[in-house]
Amino acid sequence: MLLGLLFVLAMTRVYQINTVPTWYNGYTTSAFFLTVLLSGPLFAALLLRAGESRL
């Protein structure tokens, strides 16, 4: 899990480059981590529900 968070942090650093002013702010980092916090549990719940279904 720690490696996953470090990967997301590294991706935010890639997106925060000086040539794109709209990405060079703190909102980029918060948007990435909020996406992880919101979509991670939803995707896990979807996979758990799909795993319980019998064909």
PDB file of N, CA and C in Angstrom:
ATOM      1  N   MET A   1       0.822  -1.180   0.000  1.00  0.00           N
ATOM      2  CA  MET A   1       0.000   0.000   0.000  1.00  0.00           C
ATOM      3  C   MET A   1       0.876   1.258   0.000  1.00  0.00           C
ATOM      4  N   LEU A   2       1.978   1.186   0.710  1.00  0.00           N
ATOM      5  CA  LEU A   2       2.883   2.330   0.749  1.00  0.00           C
ATOM      6  C   LEU A   2       3.467   2.606  -0.631  1.00  0.00           C
ATOM      7  N   LEU A   3       3.793   1.536  -1.354  1.00  0.00           N
ATOM      8  CA  LEU A   3       4.319   1.731  -2.711  1.00  0.00           C
ATOM      9  C   LEU A   3       3.278   2.359  -3.630  1.00  0.00           C
ATOM     10  N   GLY A   4       2.021   1.999  -3.446  1.00  0.00           N
ATOM     11  CA  GLY A   4       0.960   2.603  -4.242  1.00  0.00           C
ATOM     12  C   GLY A   4       0.827   4.096  -3.982  1.00  0.00           C
ATOM     13  N   LEU A   5       0.909   4.480  -2.714  1.00  0.00           N
ATOM     14  CA  LEU A   5       0.836   5.906  -2.380  1.00  0.00           C
ATOM     15  C   LEU A   5       2.045   6.665  -2.903  1.00  0.00           C
ATOM     16  N   LEU A   6       3.215   6.030  -2.836  1.00  0.00           N
ATOM     17  CA  LEU A   6       4.411   6.667  -3.393  1.00  0.00           C
ATOM     18  C   LEU A   6       4.308   6.813  -4.906  1.00  0.00           C
ATOM     19  N   PHE A   7       3.691   5.830  -5.558  1.00  0.00           N
ATOM     20  CA  PHE A   7       3.493   5.909  -7.003  1.00  0.00           C
ATOM     21  C   PHE A   7       2.565   7.069  -7.363  1.00  0.00           C
ATOM     22  N   VAL A   8       1.490   7.229  -6.612  1.00  0.00           N
ATOM     23  CA  VAL A   8       0.571   8.346  -6.866  1.00  0.00           C
ATOM     24  C   VAL A   8       1.280   9.671  -6.621  1.00  0.00           C
ATOM     25  N   LEU A   9       2.085   9.741  -5.579  1.00  0.00           N
ATOM     26  CA  LEU A   9       2.844  10.958  -5.314  1.00  0.00           C
ATOM     27  C   LEU A   9       3.816  11.249  -6.453  1.00  0.00           C
ATOM     28  N   ALA A  10       4.468  10.216  -6.974  1.00  0.00           N
ATOM     29  CA  ALA A  10       5.384  10.412  -8.100  1.00  0.00           C
ATOM     30  C   ALA A  10       4.635  10.892  -9.339  1.00  0.00           C
ATOM     31  N   MET A  11       3.435  10.367  -9.552  1.00  0.00           N
ATOM     32  CA  MET A  11       2.656  10.811 -10.709  1.00  0.00           C
ATOM     33  C   MET A  11       2.238  12.267 -10.574  1.00  0.00           C
ATOM     34  N   THR A  12       1.934  12.697  -9.365  1.00  0.00           N
ATOM     35  CA  THR A  12       1.586  14.109  -9.196  1.00  0.00           C
ATOM     36  C   THR A  12       2.785  14.998  -9.471  1.00  0.00           C
ATOM     37  N   ARG A  13       3.968  14.530  -9.132  1.00  0.00           N
ATOM     38  CA  ARG A  13       5.176  15.312  -9.411  1.00  0.00           C
ATOM     39  C   ARG A  13       5.422  15.410 -10.918  1.00  0.00           C
ATOM     40  N   VAL A  14       5.079  14.368 -11.657  1.00  0.00           N
ATOM     41  CA  VAL A  14       5.228  14.404 -13.113  1.00  0.00           C
ATOM     42  C   VAL A  14       4.259  15.420 -13.713  1.00  0.00           C
ATOM     43  N   TYR A  15       3.049  15.467 -13.198  1.00  0.00           N
ATOM     44  CA  TYR A  15       2.053  16.392 -13.737  1.00  0.00           C
ATOM     45  C   TYR A  15       2.318  17.838 -13.357  1.00  0.00           C
ATOM     46  N   GLN A  16       3.068  18.079 -12.299  1.00  0.00           N
ATOM     47  CA  GLN A  16       3.337  19.453 -11.873  1.00  0.00           C
ATOM     48  C   GLN A  16       4.614  19.970 -12.529  1.00  0.00           C
ATOM     49  N   ILE A  17       4.506  20.283 -13.798  1.00  0.00           N
ATOM     50  CA  ILE A  17       5.642  20.839 -14.525  1.00  0.00           C
ATOM     51  C   ILE A  17       5.377  22.317 -14.793  1.00  0.00           C
ATOM     52  N   ASN A  18       6.444  23.062 -14.958  1.00  0.00           N
ATOM     53  CA  ASN A  18       6.311  24.514 -15.119  1.00  0.00           C
ATOM     54  C   ASN A  18       5.652  24.919 -16.431  1.00  0.00           C
ATOM     55  N   THR A  19       5.725  24.079 -17.445  1.00  0.00           N
ATOM     56  CA  THR A  19       5.206  24.469 -18.754  1.00  0.00           C
ATOM     57  C   THR A  19       3.683  24.448 -18.827  1.00  0.00           C
ATOM     58  N   VAL A  20       3.024  23.775 -17.900  1.00  0.00           N
ATOM     59  CA  VAL A  20       1.558  23.746 -17.875  1.00  0.00           C
ATOM     60  C   VAL A  20       1.106  24.442 -16.590  1.00  0.00           C
ATOM     61  N   PRO A  21       0.820  25.738 -16.659  1.00  0.00           N
ATOM     62  CA  PRO A  21       0.510  26.495 -15.436  1.00  0.00           C
ATOM     63  C   PRO A  21      -0.725  25.997 -14.682  1.00  0.00           C
ATOM     64  N   THR A  22      -1.696  25.464 -15.392  1.00  0.00           N
ATOM     65  CA  THR A  22      -2.912  25.026 -14.700  1.00  0.00           C
ATOM     66  C   THR A  22      -2.682  23.766 -13.875  1.00  0.00           C
ATOM     67  N   TRP A  23      -1.651  23.001 -14.180  1.00  0.00           N
ATOM     68  CA  TRP A  23      -1.338  21.803 -13.406  1.00  0.00           C
ATOM     69  C   TRP A  23      -0.329  22.082 -12.305  1.00  0.00           C
ATOM     70  N   TYR A  24       0.313  23.225 -12.322  1.00  0.00           N
ATOM     71  CA  TYR A  24       1.392  23.527 -11.381  1.00  0.00           C
ATOM     72  C   TYR A  24       0.835  24.199 -10.128  1.00  0.00           C
ATOM     73  N   ASN A  25       0.028  23.441  -9.373  1.00  0.00           N
ATOM     74  CA  ASN A  25      -0.529  23.951  -8.122  1.00  0.00           C
ATOM     75  C   ASN A  25      -0.859  22.780  -7.202  1.00  0.00           C
ATOM     76  N   GLY A  26      -1.317  23.092  -6.021  1.00  0.00           N
ATOM     77  CA  GLY A  26      -1.634  22.060  -5.038  1.00  0.00           C
ATOM     78  C   GLY A  26      -2.887  21.272  -5.346  1.00  0.00           C
ATOM     79  N   TYR A  27      -3.740  21.813  -6.199  1.00  0.00           N
ATOM     80  CA  TYR A  27      -4.967  21.099  -6.536  1.00  0.00           C
ATOM     81  C   TYR A  27      -4.695  19.814  -7.311  1.00  0.00           C
ATOM     82  N   THR A  28      -3.609  19.780  -8.046  1.00  0.00           N
ATOM     83  CA  THR A  28      -3.264  18.571  -8.791  1.00  0.00           C
ATOM     84  C   THR A  28      -3.004  17.418  -7.834  1.00  0.00           C
ATOM     85  N   THR A  29      -2.222  17.674  -6.813  1.00  0.00           N
ATOM     86  CA  THR A  29      -1.923  16.631  -5.832  1.00  0.00           C
ATOM     87  C   THR A  29      -3.179  16.194  -5.096  1.00  0.00           C
ATOM     88  N   SER A  30      -3.982  17.142  -4.659  1.00  0.00           N
ATOM     89  CA  SER A  30      -5.199  16.777  -3.936  1.00  0.00           C
ATOM     90  C   SER A  30      -6.181  16.043  -4.839  1.00  0.00           C
ATOM     91  N   ALA A  31      -6.265  16.411  -6.100  1.00  0.00           N
ATOM     92  CA  ALA A  31      -7.165  15.716  -7.025  1.00  0.00           C
ATOM     93  C   ALA A  31      -6.736  14.273  -7.231  1.00  0.00           C
ATOM     94  N   PHE A  32      -5.442  14.039  -7.346  1.00  0.00           N
ATOM     95  CA  PHE A  32      -4.954  12.673  -7.508  1.00  0.00           C
ATOM     96  C   PHE A  32      -5.289  11.825  -6.282  1.00  0.00           C
ATOM     97  N   PHE A  33      -5.011  12.352  -5.093  1.00  0.00           N
ATOM     98  CA  PHE A  33      -5.254  11.561  -3.889  1.00  0.00           C
ATOM     99  C   PHE A  33      -6.742  11.402  -3.597  1.00  0.00           C
ATOM    100  N   LEU A  34      -7.555  12.388  -3.919  1.00  0.00           N
ATOM    101  CA  LEU A  34      -8.998  12.222  -3.753  1.00  0.00           C
ATOM    102  C   LEU A  34      -9.550  11.182  -4.720  1.00  0.00           C
ATOM    103  N   THR A  35      -8.997  11.129  -5.916  1.00  0.00           N
ATOM    104  CA  THR A  35      -9.405  10.097  -6.866  1.00  0.00           C
ATOM    105  C   THR A  35      -9.076   8.717  -6.333  1.00  0.00           C
ATOM    106  N   VAL A  36      -7.893   8.573  -5.746  1.00  0.00           N
ATOM    107  CA  VAL A  36      -7.498   7.289  -5.161  1.00  0.00           C
ATOM    108  C   VAL A  36      -8.424   6.923  -4.004  1.00  0.00           C
ATOM    109  N   LEU A  37      -8.703   7.885  -3.136  1.00  0.00           N
ATOM    110  CA  LEU A  37      -9.536   7.611  -1.966  1.00  0.00           C
ATOM    111  C   LEU A  37     -10.981   7.290  -2.331  1.00  0.00           C
ATOM    112  N   LEU A  38     -11.491   7.881  -3.399  1.00  0.00           N
ATOM    113  CA  LEU A  38     -12.879   7.639  -3.786  1.00  0.00           C
ATOM    114  C   LEU A  38     -13.042   6.433  -4.700  1.00  0.00           C
ATOM    115  N   SER A  39     -12.178   6.298  -5.677  1.00  0.00           N
ATOM    116  CA  SER A  39     -12.359   5.223  -6.650  1.00  0.00           C
ATOM    117  C   SER A  39     -11.804   3.888  -6.168  1.00  0.00           C
ATOM    118  N   GLY A  40     -10.827   3.902  -5.284  1.00  0.00           N
ATOM    119  CA  GLY A  40     -10.249   2.650  -4.782  1.00  0.00           C
ATOM    120  C   GLY A  40     -11.267   1.765  -4.082  1.00  0.00           C
ATOM    121  N   PRO A  41     -11.953   2.261  -3.056  1.00  0.00           N
ATOM    122  CA  PRO A  41     -12.958   1.433  -2.389  1.00  0.00           C
ATOM    123  C   PRO A  41     -14.126   1.042  -3.296  1.00  0.00           C
ATOM    124  N   LEU A  42     -14.520   1.932  -4.191  1.00  0.00           N
ATOM    125  CA  LEU A  42     -15.604   1.581  -5.115  1.00  0.00           C
ATOM    126  C   LEU A  42     -15.197   0.448  -6.042  1.00  0.00           C
ATOM    127  N   PHE A  43     -13.979   0.497  -6.542  1.00  0.00           N
ATOM    128  CA  PHE A  43     -13.492  -0.565  -7.420  1.00  0.00           C
ATOM    129  C   PHE A  43     -13.336  -1.870  -6.644  1.00  0.00           C
ATOM    130  N   ALA A  44     -12.861  -1.798  -5.410  1.00  0.00           N
ATOM    131  CA  ALA A  44     -12.728  -3.000  -4.587  1.00  0.00           C
ATOM    132  C   ALA A  44     -14.095  -3.622  -4.317  1.00  0.00           C
ATOM    133  N   ALA A  45     -15.098  -2.802  -4.022  1.00  0.00           N
ATOM    134  CA  ALA A  45     -16.444  -3.319  -3.794  1.00  0.00           C
ATOM    135  C   ALA A  45     -17.007  -3.963  -5.051  1.00  0.00           C
ATOM    136  N   LEU A  46     -16.738  -3.363  -6.195  1.00  0.00           N
ATOM    137  CA  LEU A  46     -17.190  -3.937  -7.459  1.00  0.00           C
ATOM    138  C   LEU A  46     -16.552  -5.299  -7.701  1.00  0.00           C
ATOM    139  N   LEU A  47     -15.258  -5.408  -7.448  1.00  0.00           N
ATOM    140  CA  LEU A  47     -14.575  -6.687  -7.635  1.00  0.00           C
ATOM    141  C   LEU A  47     -15.062  -7.741  -6.645  1.00  0.00           C
ATOM    142  N   LEU A  48     -15.302  -7.339  -5.405  1.00  0.00           N
ATOM    143  CA  LEU A  48     -15.810  -8.294  -4.420  1.00  0.00           C
ATOM    144  C   LEU A  48     -17.205  -8.773  -4.789  1.00  0.00           C
ATOM    145  N   ARG A  49     -18.025  -7.873  -5.266  1.00  0.00           N
ATOM    146  CA  ARG A  49     -19.377  -8.268  -5.673  1.00  0.00           C
ATOM    147  C   ARG A  49     -19.332  -9.181  -6.896  1.00  0.00           C
ATOM    148  N   ALA A  50     -18.460  -8.879  -7.843  1.00  0.00           N
ATOM    149  CA  ALA A  50     -18.338  -9.716  -9.042  1.00  0.00           C
ATOM    150  C   ALA A  50     -17.765 -11.083  -8.691  1.00  0.00           C
ATOM    151  N   GLY A  51     -16.898 -11.144  -7.707  1.00  0.00           N
ATOM    152  CA  GLY A  51     -16.309 -12.415  -7.304  1.00  0.00           C
ATOM    153  C   GLY A  51     -17.290 -13.331  -6.609  1.00  0.00           C
ATOM    154  N   GLU A  52     -18.304 -12.793  -5.986  1.00  0.00           N
ATOM    155  CA  GLU A  52     -19.299 -13.599  -5.290  1.00  0.00           C
ATOM    156  C   GLU A  52     -20.372 -14.146  -6.214  1.00  0.00           C
ATOM    157  N   SER A  53     -20.518 -13.578  -7.384  1.00  0.00           N
ATOM    158  CA  SER A  53     -21.574 -14.038  -8.286  1.00  0.00           C
ATOM    159  C   SER A  53     -21.200 -15.380  -8.895  1.00  0.00           C
ATOM    160  N   ARG A  54     -22.179 -16.225  -9.057  1.00  0.00           N
ATOM    161  CA  ARG A  54     -21.982 -17.560  -9.629  1.00  0.00           C
ATOM    162  C   ARG A  54     -22.600 -17.599 -11.021  1.00  0.00           C
ATOM    163  N   LEU A  55     -21.844 -18.123 -11.954  1.00  0.00           N
ATOM    164  CA  LEU A  55     -22.376 -18.226 -13.316  1.00  0.00           C
ATOM    165  C   LEU A  55     -22.933 -19.596 -13.575  1.00  0.00           C
TER     166      LEU A  55
END
